[in-house]
Amino acid sequence: VQMLGQHLKYVWQFATVFDGQKTSIHDRHIRSGWKPLLVYSNGPYQPTDWTVDVITAPKEKKRFCYQQPELEAEVMIRRFTKEGDLCLDAFCGSGTTASVCKRLKRKCVTTDIDANAVVEARQRVADTKVGDPLVRPRIMTARMPMEDDDIEYELKSSLSLPA
């Protein structure tokens, strides 16, 4: 995080709330129900609309035990990038971010210390076709709540998925 901050501008930390079973952090005896997603910008951050910093996406573990939901990745990539932009995923796992970037015509740089994950990620990206998004752009914004208004924003309840 400190090294990223030397080269990129920190924008915000988002929280993804897990659907269903929690993740065990064994050495700390914690059952985690969320994960952070850090957003950095290469240059000044210029938001185009309001966004919500807590999202929920359905669990997805079809390809790898650490796999992250493509739906979550697509929403965030669409929110913060445009075609041709570069994304960094420093913990690529099964390649969810890279796969979604390919579908959405973004560039992606990934790293991972798990050699098996890298093999899986390479195959997943090779199998991915450009186009066919999961999320339609109309759900990319949320109404701005009033100060005393407490809303919960869930991806699964506001999707427009292809049939």
N, C-alpha and C. Protein backbone atom coordinates (compact mmCIF):
# COMPACT_ATOMS: atom_id res chain seq x y z
N VAL A 1 0.84 -1.19 0.00
CA VAL A 1 0.00 0.00 0.00
C VAL A 1 0.88 1.25 0.00
N GLN A 2 1.94 1.23 0.82
CA GLN A 2 2.84 2.38 0.85
C GLN A 2 3.55 2.57 -0.49
N MET A 3 3.97 1.47 -1.12
CA MET A 3 4.64 1.57 -2.41
C MET A 3 3.70 2.07 -3.49
N LEU A 4 2.45 1.61 -3.48
CA LEU A 4 1.48 2.12 -4.45
C LEU A 4 1.30 3.62 -4.28
N GLY A 5 1.26 4.07 -3.02
CA GLY A 5 1.08 5.48 -2.73
C GLY A 5 2.23 6.36 -3.20
N GLN A 6 3.39 5.77 -3.43
CA GLN A 6 4.52 6.54 -3.95
C GLN A 6 4.34 6.88 -5.42
N HIS A 7 3.53 6.09 -6.12
CA HIS A 7 3.40 6.26 -7.57
C HIS A 7 1.98 6.59 -8.03
N LEU A 8 1.01 6.31 -7.19
CA LEU A 8 -0.38 6.52 -7.56
C LEU A 8 -1.08 7.32 -6.48
N LYS A 9 -2.21 7.93 -6.83
CA LYS A 9 -2.98 8.71 -5.87
C LYS A 9 -4.09 7.83 -5.27
N TYR A 10 -4.07 7.72 -3.95
CA TYR A 10 -5.11 6.95 -3.25
C TYR A 10 -6.44 7.67 -3.43
N VAL A 11 -7.49 6.92 -3.82
CA VAL A 11 -8.82 7.48 -4.01
C VAL A 11 -9.72 7.11 -2.84
N TRP A 12 -9.89 5.79 -2.59
CA TRP A 12 -10.83 5.37 -1.56
C TRP A 12 -10.70 3.88 -1.31
N GLN A 13 -11.22 3.44 -0.17
CA GLN A 13 -11.33 2.01 0.13
C GLN A 13 -12.79 1.63 0.10
N PHE A 14 -13.11 0.65 -0.72
CA PHE A 14 -14.46 0.13 -0.81
C PHE A 14 -14.55 -1.16 0.00
N ALA A 15 -15.74 -1.54 0.38
CA ALA A 15 -15.96 -2.78 1.11
C ALA A 15 -16.91 -3.65 0.31
N THR A 16 -16.51 -4.90 0.13
CA THR A 16 -17.38 -5.89 -0.47
C THR A 16 -17.84 -6.81 0.64
N VAL A 17 -19.14 -6.85 0.85
CA VAL A 17 -19.72 -7.69 1.90
C VAL A 17 -19.98 -9.07 1.30
N PHE A 18 -19.53 -10.12 2.00
CA PHE A 18 -19.68 -11.48 1.51
C PHE A 18 -21.11 -11.95 1.68
N ASP A 19 -21.61 -12.61 0.65
CA ASP A 19 -22.89 -13.31 0.71
C ASP A 19 -22.63 -14.68 1.34
N GLY A 20 -23.42 -15.05 2.30
CA GLY A 20 -23.32 -16.40 2.86
C GLY A 20 -22.14 -16.61 3.78
N GLN A 21 -21.43 -17.74 3.59
CA GLN A 21 -20.35 -18.16 4.48
C GLN A 21 -19.23 -17.12 4.57
N LYS A 22 -18.70 -16.96 5.76
CA LYS A 22 -17.62 -16.00 6.02
C LYS A 22 -16.26 -16.66 5.79
N THR A 23 -15.25 -15.84 5.61
CA THR A 23 -13.89 -16.31 5.42
C THR A 23 -13.19 -16.39 6.76
N SER A 24 -12.47 -17.48 7.00
CA SER A 24 -11.76 -17.64 8.27
C SER A 24 -10.33 -17.12 8.15
N ILE A 25 -9.98 -16.22 9.04
CA ILE A 25 -8.60 -15.74 9.16
C ILE A 25 -8.05 -16.49 10.37
N HIS A 26 -7.46 -17.65 10.12
CA HIS A 26 -7.12 -18.61 11.17
C HIS A 26 -6.16 -18.07 12.22
N ASP A 27 -5.09 -17.40 11.79
CA ASP A 27 -4.09 -16.96 12.77
C ASP A 27 -4.60 -15.84 13.68
N ARG A 28 -5.74 -15.24 13.33
CA ARG A 28 -6.30 -14.16 14.14
C ARG A 28 -7.64 -14.55 14.78
N HIS A 29 -8.14 -15.73 14.44
CA HIS A 29 -9.42 -16.21 14.94
C HIS A 29 -10.55 -15.23 14.64
N ILE A 30 -10.60 -14.83 13.36
CA ILE A 30 -11.63 -13.88 12.91
C ILE A 30 -12.39 -14.52 11.76
N ARG A 31 -13.71 -14.38 11.79
CA ARG A 31 -14.57 -14.78 10.67
C ARG A 31 -14.96 -13.50 9.95
N SER A 32 -14.33 -13.26 8.83
CA SER A 32 -14.51 -12.00 8.12
C SER A 32 -15.71 -12.06 7.17
N GLY A 33 -16.53 -11.05 7.22
CA GLY A 33 -17.69 -10.95 6.36
C GLY A 33 -17.55 -9.90 5.28
N TRP A 34 -16.32 -9.38 5.09
CA TRP A 34 -16.11 -8.36 4.06
C TRP A 34 -14.65 -8.39 3.62
N LYS A 35 -14.38 -7.72 2.51
CA LYS A 35 -13.01 -7.54 2.05
C LYS A 35 -12.85 -6.12 1.53
N PRO A 36 -11.65 -5.58 1.66
CA PRO A 36 -11.42 -4.23 1.14
C PRO A 36 -11.06 -4.26 -0.34
N LEU A 37 -11.39 -3.22 -1.04
CA LEU A 37 -10.96 -3.02 -2.41
C LEU A 37 -10.41 -1.60 -2.46
N LEU A 38 -9.12 -1.48 -2.66
CA LEU A 38 -8.48 -0.17 -2.68
C LEU A 38 -8.49 0.38 -4.10
N VAL A 39 -8.83 1.65 -4.22
CA VAL A 39 -8.86 2.30 -5.53
C VAL A 39 -7.80 3.41 -5.53
N TYR A 40 -6.92 3.34 -6.53
CA TYR A 40 -5.88 4.34 -6.75
C TYR A 40 -6.07 4.92 -8.14
N SER A 41 -5.52 6.11 -8.36
CA SER A 41 -5.61 6.76 -9.65
C SER A 41 -4.22 7.17 -10.10
N ASN A 42 -3.99 7.05 -11.39
CA ASN A 42 -2.74 7.53 -11.98
C ASN A 42 -3.00 8.95 -12.46
N GLY A 43 -2.82 9.91 -11.59
CA GLY A 43 -3.15 11.31 -11.89
C GLY A 43 -4.34 11.73 -11.07
N PRO A 44 -4.83 12.92 -11.32
CA PRO A 44 -5.96 13.42 -10.51
C PRO A 44 -7.20 12.56 -10.69
N TYR A 45 -7.87 12.29 -9.60
CA TYR A 45 -9.13 11.54 -9.64
C TYR A 45 -10.25 12.51 -9.95
N GLN A 46 -10.99 12.22 -11.00
CA GLN A 46 -12.07 13.08 -11.43
C GLN A 46 -13.35 12.26 -11.55
N PRO A 47 -14.14 12.20 -10.46
CA PRO A 47 -15.37 11.40 -10.50
C PRO A 47 -16.37 11.98 -11.48
N THR A 48 -17.11 11.09 -12.13
CA THR A 48 -18.13 11.53 -13.07
C THR A 48 -19.52 11.45 -12.47
N ASP A 49 -19.67 10.72 -11.37
CA ASP A 49 -20.97 10.56 -10.74
C ASP A 49 -20.76 10.06 -9.32
N TRP A 50 -21.82 10.02 -8.53
CA TRP A 50 -21.76 9.47 -7.18
C TRP A 50 -21.64 7.96 -7.25
N THR A 51 -20.99 7.37 -6.28
CA THR A 51 -20.91 5.92 -6.16
C THR A 51 -21.05 5.54 -4.69
N VAL A 52 -21.30 4.29 -4.44
CA VAL A 52 -21.49 3.78 -3.08
C VAL A 52 -20.27 2.95 -2.73
N ASP A 53 -19.80 3.03 -1.48
CA ASP A 53 -18.55 2.35 -1.13
C ASP A 53 -18.73 1.00 -0.44
N VAL A 54 -19.94 0.48 -0.38
CA VAL A 54 -20.18 -0.87 0.14
C VAL A 54 -21.04 -1.59 -0.89
N ILE A 55 -20.58 -2.75 -1.34
CA ILE A 55 -21.35 -3.53 -2.30
C ILE A 55 -21.42 -4.98 -1.83
N THR A 56 -22.42 -5.70 -2.32
CA THR A 56 -22.58 -7.12 -2.06
C THR A 56 -22.72 -7.81 -3.40
N ALA A 57 -21.97 -8.87 -3.59
CA ALA A 57 -22.06 -9.64 -4.83
C ALA A 57 -22.18 -11.11 -4.47
N PRO A 58 -22.88 -11.87 -5.30
CA PRO A 58 -23.01 -13.31 -5.03
C PRO A 58 -21.65 -13.99 -5.09
N LYS A 59 -21.47 -15.01 -4.26
CA LYS A 59 -20.23 -15.77 -4.21
C LYS A 59 -20.00 -16.48 -5.54
N GLU A 60 -18.73 -16.60 -5.94
CA GLU A 60 -18.39 -17.28 -7.19
C GLU A 60 -17.06 -17.99 -7.00
N LYS A 61 -17.09 -19.31 -6.99
CA LYS A 61 -15.87 -20.11 -6.77
C LYS A 61 -15.80 -21.26 -7.77
N LYS A 62 -16.17 -21.03 -9.00
CA LYS A 62 -16.21 -22.09 -10.01
C LYS A 62 -14.82 -22.55 -10.44
N ARG A 63 -13.86 -21.63 -10.48
CA ARG A 63 -12.56 -21.93 -11.06
C ARG A 63 -11.43 -22.09 -10.05
N PHE A 64 -11.56 -21.46 -8.88
CA PHE A 64 -10.43 -21.42 -7.95
C PHE A 64 -10.95 -21.09 -6.56
N CYS A 65 -10.30 -21.61 -5.54
CA CYS A 65 -10.79 -21.42 -4.17
C CYS A 65 -10.78 -19.96 -3.72
N TYR A 66 -9.93 -19.12 -4.30
CA TYR A 66 -9.89 -17.71 -3.92
C TYR A 66 -10.59 -16.82 -4.95
N GLN A 67 -11.31 -17.41 -5.87
CA GLN A 67 -11.95 -16.65 -6.94
C GLN A 67 -12.87 -15.57 -6.39
N GLN A 68 -12.84 -14.42 -7.04
CA GLN A 68 -13.72 -13.30 -6.68
C GLN A 68 -14.83 -13.19 -7.73
N PRO A 69 -15.97 -12.63 -7.36
CA PRO A 69 -17.10 -12.54 -8.30
C PRO A 69 -16.80 -11.62 -9.49
N GLU A 70 -17.07 -12.11 -10.69
CA GLU A 70 -16.90 -11.27 -11.88
C GLU A 70 -17.84 -10.07 -11.84
N LEU A 71 -19.00 -10.26 -11.30
CA LEU A 71 -19.98 -9.18 -11.21
C LEU A 71 -19.41 -7.99 -10.44
N GLU A 72 -18.82 -8.26 -9.30
CA GLU A 72 -18.21 -7.22 -8.47
C GLU A 72 -17.08 -6.52 -9.23
N ALA A 73 -16.22 -7.31 -9.87
CA ALA A 73 -15.10 -6.75 -10.62
C ALA A 73 -15.61 -5.87 -11.77
N GLU A 74 -16.63 -6.34 -12.46
CA GLU A 74 -17.14 -5.57 -13.59
C GLU A 74 -17.71 -4.24 -13.16
N VAL A 75 -18.47 -4.24 -12.09
CA VAL A 75 -19.04 -2.98 -11.61
C VAL A 75 -17.94 -1.98 -11.27
N MET A 76 -16.91 -2.44 -10.54
CA MET A 76 -15.84 -1.54 -10.13
C MET A 76 -15.00 -1.08 -11.33
N ILE A 77 -14.71 -1.98 -12.24
CA ILE A 77 -13.91 -1.62 -13.42
C ILE A 77 -14.67 -0.63 -14.28
N ARG A 78 -15.96 -0.85 -14.48
CA ARG A 78 -16.76 0.10 -15.26
C ARG A 78 -16.84 1.46 -14.56
N ARG A 79 -16.94 1.44 -13.24
CA ARG A 79 -17.09 2.68 -12.46
C ARG A 79 -15.84 3.56 -12.56
N PHE A 80 -14.67 2.93 -12.54
CA PHE A 80 -13.44 3.71 -12.40
C PHE A 80 -12.55 3.75 -13.63
N THR A 81 -12.92 3.05 -14.71
CA THR A 81 -12.09 3.06 -15.91
C THR A 81 -12.93 3.20 -17.16
N LYS A 82 -12.25 3.46 -18.25
CA LYS A 82 -12.91 3.47 -19.56
C LYS A 82 -12.09 2.58 -20.50
N GLU A 83 -12.64 2.25 -21.65
CA GLU A 83 -11.93 1.39 -22.60
C GLU A 83 -10.52 1.90 -22.82
N GLY A 84 -9.57 0.97 -22.81
CA GLY A 84 -8.17 1.30 -23.04
C GLY A 84 -7.39 1.64 -21.78
N ASP A 85 -8.07 1.90 -20.66
CA ASP A 85 -7.38 2.20 -19.41
C ASP A 85 -6.67 0.96 -18.86
N LEU A 86 -5.75 1.20 -17.94
CA LEU A 86 -4.96 0.13 -17.34
C LEU A 86 -5.42 -0.12 -15.91
N CYS A 87 -5.64 -1.40 -15.57
CA CYS A 87 -5.98 -1.81 -14.20
C CYS A 87 -4.82 -2.63 -13.65
N LEU A 88 -4.62 -2.56 -12.35
CA LEU A 88 -3.62 -3.37 -11.65
C LEU A 88 -4.33 -4.24 -10.63
N ASP A 89 -4.03 -5.53 -10.66
CA ASP A 89 -4.52 -6.46 -9.63
C ASP A 89 -3.29 -7.16 -9.06
N ALA A 90 -2.85 -6.71 -7.90
CA ALA A 90 -1.62 -7.21 -7.30
C ALA A 90 -1.77 -8.61 -6.70
N PHE A 91 -3.00 -9.09 -6.57
CA PHE A 91 -3.26 -10.43 -6.01
C PHE A 91 -4.25 -11.12 -6.95
N CYS A 92 -3.80 -11.50 -8.13
CA CYS A 92 -4.72 -11.89 -9.20
C CYS A 92 -5.46 -13.19 -8.97
N GLY A 93 -4.95 -14.11 -8.15
CA GLY A 93 -5.68 -15.35 -7.93
C GLY A 93 -6.01 -16.02 -9.25
N SER A 94 -7.28 -16.30 -9.48
CA SER A 94 -7.70 -16.99 -10.70
C SER A 94 -7.88 -16.07 -11.90
N GLY A 95 -7.57 -14.79 -11.75
CA GLY A 95 -7.61 -13.88 -12.89
C GLY A 95 -8.93 -13.21 -13.15
N THR A 96 -9.76 -13.06 -12.14
CA THR A 96 -11.07 -12.42 -12.33
C THR A 96 -10.92 -11.04 -12.93
N THR A 97 -10.08 -10.20 -12.33
CA THR A 97 -9.92 -8.83 -12.82
C THR A 97 -9.40 -8.82 -14.26
N ALA A 98 -8.39 -9.63 -14.55
CA ALA A 98 -7.83 -9.67 -15.90
C ALA A 98 -8.86 -10.14 -16.92
N SER A 99 -9.65 -11.14 -16.55
CA SER A 99 -10.68 -11.65 -17.44
C SER A 99 -11.73 -10.59 -17.73
N VAL A 100 -12.20 -9.92 -16.70
CA VAL A 100 -13.20 -8.87 -16.88
C VAL A 100 -12.61 -7.71 -17.69
N CYS A 101 -11.36 -7.35 -17.42
CA CYS A 101 -10.72 -6.29 -18.20
C CYS A 101 -10.68 -6.64 -19.68
N LYS A 102 -10.37 -7.88 -20.00
CA LYS A 102 -10.34 -8.30 -21.40
C LYS A 102 -11.73 -8.15 -22.02
N ARG A 103 -12.77 -8.62 -21.32
CA ARG A 103 -14.14 -8.50 -21.84
C ARG A 103 -14.52 -7.05 -22.08
N LEU A 104 -14.05 -6.15 -21.19
CA LEU A 104 -14.44 -4.74 -21.25
C LEU A 104 -13.44 -3.87 -22.00
N LYS A 105 -12.47 -4.49 -22.66
CA LYS A 105 -11.47 -3.78 -23.47
C LYS A 105 -10.62 -2.83 -22.64
N ARG A 106 -10.19 -3.32 -21.47
CA ARG A 106 -9.23 -2.60 -20.64
C ARG A 106 -7.92 -3.38 -20.64
N LYS A 107 -6.82 -2.70 -20.35
CA LYS A 107 -5.54 -3.37 -20.18
C LYS A 107 -5.43 -3.77 -18.71
N CYS A 108 -4.65 -4.81 -18.42
CA CYS A 108 -4.55 -5.26 -17.05
C CYS A 108 -3.16 -5.83 -16.77
N VAL A 109 -2.60 -5.46 -15.63
CA VAL A 109 -1.34 -6.02 -15.14
C VAL A 109 -1.68 -6.75 -13.85
N THR A 110 -1.22 -8.00 -13.74
CA THR A 110 -1.51 -8.78 -12.54
C THR A 110 -0.23 -9.42 -12.00
N THR A 111 -0.26 -9.75 -10.73
CA THR A 111 0.81 -10.52 -10.09
C THR A 111 0.18 -11.46 -9.07
N ASP A 112 0.89 -12.52 -8.75
CA ASP A 112 0.48 -13.42 -7.67
C ASP A 112 1.67 -14.29 -7.29
N ILE A 113 1.77 -14.64 -6.02
CA ILE A 113 2.88 -15.50 -5.58
C ILE A 113 2.57 -16.98 -5.73
N ASP A 114 1.31 -17.33 -6.00
CA ASP A 114 0.90 -18.73 -6.13
C ASP A 114 1.01 -19.15 -7.60
N ALA A 115 1.99 -20.01 -7.90
CA ALA A 115 2.23 -20.44 -9.28
C ALA A 115 1.00 -21.13 -9.89
N ASN A 116 0.26 -21.91 -9.09
CA ASN A 116 -0.95 -22.57 -9.59
C ASN A 116 -2.02 -21.54 -9.97
N ALA A 117 -2.12 -20.48 -9.19
CA ALA A 117 -3.08 -19.42 -9.51
C ALA A 117 -2.72 -18.74 -10.82
N VAL A 118 -1.44 -18.50 -11.04
CA VAL A 118 -0.99 -17.85 -12.27
C VAL A 118 -1.35 -18.71 -13.49
N VAL A 119 -1.14 -20.02 -13.38
CA VAL A 119 -1.50 -20.93 -14.47
C VAL A 119 -3.00 -20.85 -14.75
N GLU A 120 -3.81 -20.89 -13.70
CA GLU A 120 -5.27 -20.79 -13.84
C GLU A 120 -5.67 -19.45 -14.45
N ALA A 121 -5.06 -18.37 -13.97
CA ALA A 121 -5.39 -17.03 -14.48
C ALA A 121 -5.05 -16.90 -15.96
N ARG A 122 -3.91 -17.40 -16.36
CA ARG A 122 -3.53 -17.34 -17.79
C ARG A 122 -4.54 -18.08 -18.66
N GLN A 123 -4.95 -19.28 -18.22
CA GLN A 123 -5.92 -20.05 -18.99
C GLN A 123 -7.27 -19.34 -19.03
N ARG A 124 -7.67 -18.79 -17.91
CA ARG A 124 -8.96 -18.09 -17.85
C ARG A 124 -8.99 -16.90 -18.80
N VAL A 125 -7.92 -16.12 -18.82
CA VAL A 125 -7.85 -14.96 -19.72
C VAL A 125 -7.83 -15.43 -21.17
N ALA A 126 -7.10 -16.48 -21.45
CA ALA A 126 -7.06 -17.02 -22.82
C ALA A 126 -8.45 -17.46 -23.28
N ASP A 127 -9.26 -18.00 -22.37
CA ASP A 127 -10.61 -18.48 -22.68
C ASP A 127 -11.65 -17.35 -22.77
N THR A 128 -11.30 -16.17 -22.29
CA THR A 128 -12.24 -15.06 -22.22
C THR A 128 -12.40 -14.38 -23.58
N LYS A 129 -13.64 -14.07 -23.92
CA LYS A 129 -13.94 -13.38 -25.16
C LYS A 129 -14.22 -11.90 -24.87
N VAL A 130 -13.81 -11.04 -25.77
CA VAL A 130 -14.07 -9.61 -25.63
C VAL A 130 -15.56 -9.37 -25.83
N GLY A 131 -16.14 -8.50 -24.99
CA GLY A 131 -17.56 -8.16 -25.10
C GLY A 131 -18.40 -8.93 -24.11
N ASP A 132 -19.72 -8.89 -24.32
CA ASP A 132 -20.70 -9.60 -23.49
C ASP A 132 -20.58 -9.30 -21.99
N PRO A 133 -20.82 -8.04 -21.61
CA PRO A 133 -20.74 -7.68 -20.19
C PRO A 133 -21.85 -8.34 -19.37
N LEU A 134 -21.58 -8.55 -18.09
CA LEU A 134 -22.59 -9.08 -17.17
C LEU A 134 -23.54 -7.98 -16.72
N VAL A 135 -22.99 -6.78 -16.56
CA VAL A 135 -23.74 -5.67 -15.99
C VAL A 135 -24.03 -4.65 -17.07
N ARG A 136 -25.23 -4.15 -17.08
CA ARG A 136 -25.59 -3.10 -18.02
C ARG A 136 -25.27 -1.74 -17.39
N PRO A 137 -24.75 -0.79 -18.16
CA PRO A 137 -24.30 0.48 -17.60
C PRO A 137 -25.34 1.26 -16.79
N ARG A 138 -26.61 1.03 -16.99
CA ARG A 138 -27.62 1.82 -16.29
C ARG A 138 -27.61 1.63 -14.77
N ILE A 139 -27.01 0.57 -14.25
CA ILE A 139 -27.01 0.38 -12.80
C ILE A 139 -25.76 0.94 -12.13
N MET A 140 -24.95 1.65 -12.88
CA MET A 140 -23.67 2.09 -12.35
C MET A 140 -23.76 3.29 -11.41
N THR A 141 -24.91 3.84 -11.22
CA THR A 141 -25.03 4.97 -10.32
C THR A 141 -26.04 4.66 -9.23
N ALA A 142 -25.94 5.35 -8.15
CA ALA A 142 -26.90 5.22 -7.05
C ALA A 142 -27.35 6.61 -6.67
N ARG A 143 -28.57 6.72 -6.20
CA ARG A 143 -29.04 8.04 -5.77
C ARG A 143 -28.22 8.48 -4.57
N MET A 144 -28.04 9.76 -4.44
CA MET A 144 -27.28 10.28 -3.30
C MET A 144 -28.22 10.37 -2.12
N PRO A 145 -27.93 9.64 -1.02
CA PRO A 145 -28.83 9.66 0.13
C PRO A 145 -28.76 11.00 0.86
N MET A 146 -29.83 11.32 1.50
CA MET A 146 -29.85 12.50 2.36
C MET A 146 -29.04 12.17 3.60
N GLU A 147 -28.64 13.17 4.34
CA GLU A 147 -27.77 12.97 5.50
C GLU A 147 -28.34 11.97 6.50
N ASP A 148 -29.64 11.99 6.73
CA ASP A 148 -30.24 11.10 7.72
C ASP A 148 -30.83 9.83 7.08
N ASP A 149 -30.59 9.64 5.80
CA ASP A 149 -31.13 8.51 5.06
C ASP A 149 -30.10 7.38 5.06
N ASP A 150 -30.46 6.20 5.52
CA ASP A 150 -29.54 5.08 5.59
C ASP A 150 -29.96 4.04 4.56
N ILE A 151 -29.26 3.99 3.42
CA ILE A 151 -29.63 3.01 2.40
C ILE A 151 -28.57 1.92 2.33
N GLU A 152 -28.98 0.76 1.86
CA GLU A 152 -28.05 -0.33 1.61
C GLU A 152 -28.09 -0.60 0.12
N TYR A 153 -26.95 -0.65 -0.49
CA TYR A 153 -26.83 -0.85 -1.93
C TYR A 153 -26.31 -2.24 -2.19
N GLU A 154 -27.09 -3.07 -2.85
CA GLU A 154 -26.67 -4.42 -3.18
C GLU A 154 -26.72 -4.63 -4.67
N LEU A 155 -25.64 -5.13 -5.23
CA LEU A 155 -25.60 -5.39 -6.66
C LEU A 155 -26.68 -6.38 -7.06
N LYS A 156 -26.85 -7.42 -6.27
CA LYS A 156 -27.76 -8.49 -6.68
C LYS A 156 -29.20 -8.03 -6.79
N SER A 157 -29.57 -6.95 -6.12
CA SER A 157 -30.94 -6.51 -6.20
C SER A 157 -31.16 -5.44 -7.27
N SER A 158 -30.11 -5.01 -7.94
CA SER A 158 -30.29 -3.95 -8.93
C SER A 158 -29.65 -4.31 -10.26
N LEU A 159 -29.58 -5.61 -10.56
CA LEU A 159 -28.93 -6.06 -11.78
C LEU A 159 -29.85 -6.07 -12.97
N SER A 160 -29.26 -5.91 -14.11
CA SER A 160 -29.94 -6.12 -15.37
C SER A 160 -29.09 -7.12 -16.13
N LEU A 161 -29.30 -8.40 -15.86
CA LEU A 161 -28.48 -9.44 -16.46
C LEU A 161 -29.08 -9.92 -17.77
N PRO A 162 -28.22 -10.34 -18.71
CA PRO A 162 -28.75 -10.89 -19.95
C PRO A 162 -29.51 -12.18 -19.69
N ALA A 163 -30.50 -12.45 -20.52
CA ALA A 163 -31.32 -13.65 -20.35
C ALA A 163 -30.56 -14.91 -20.69
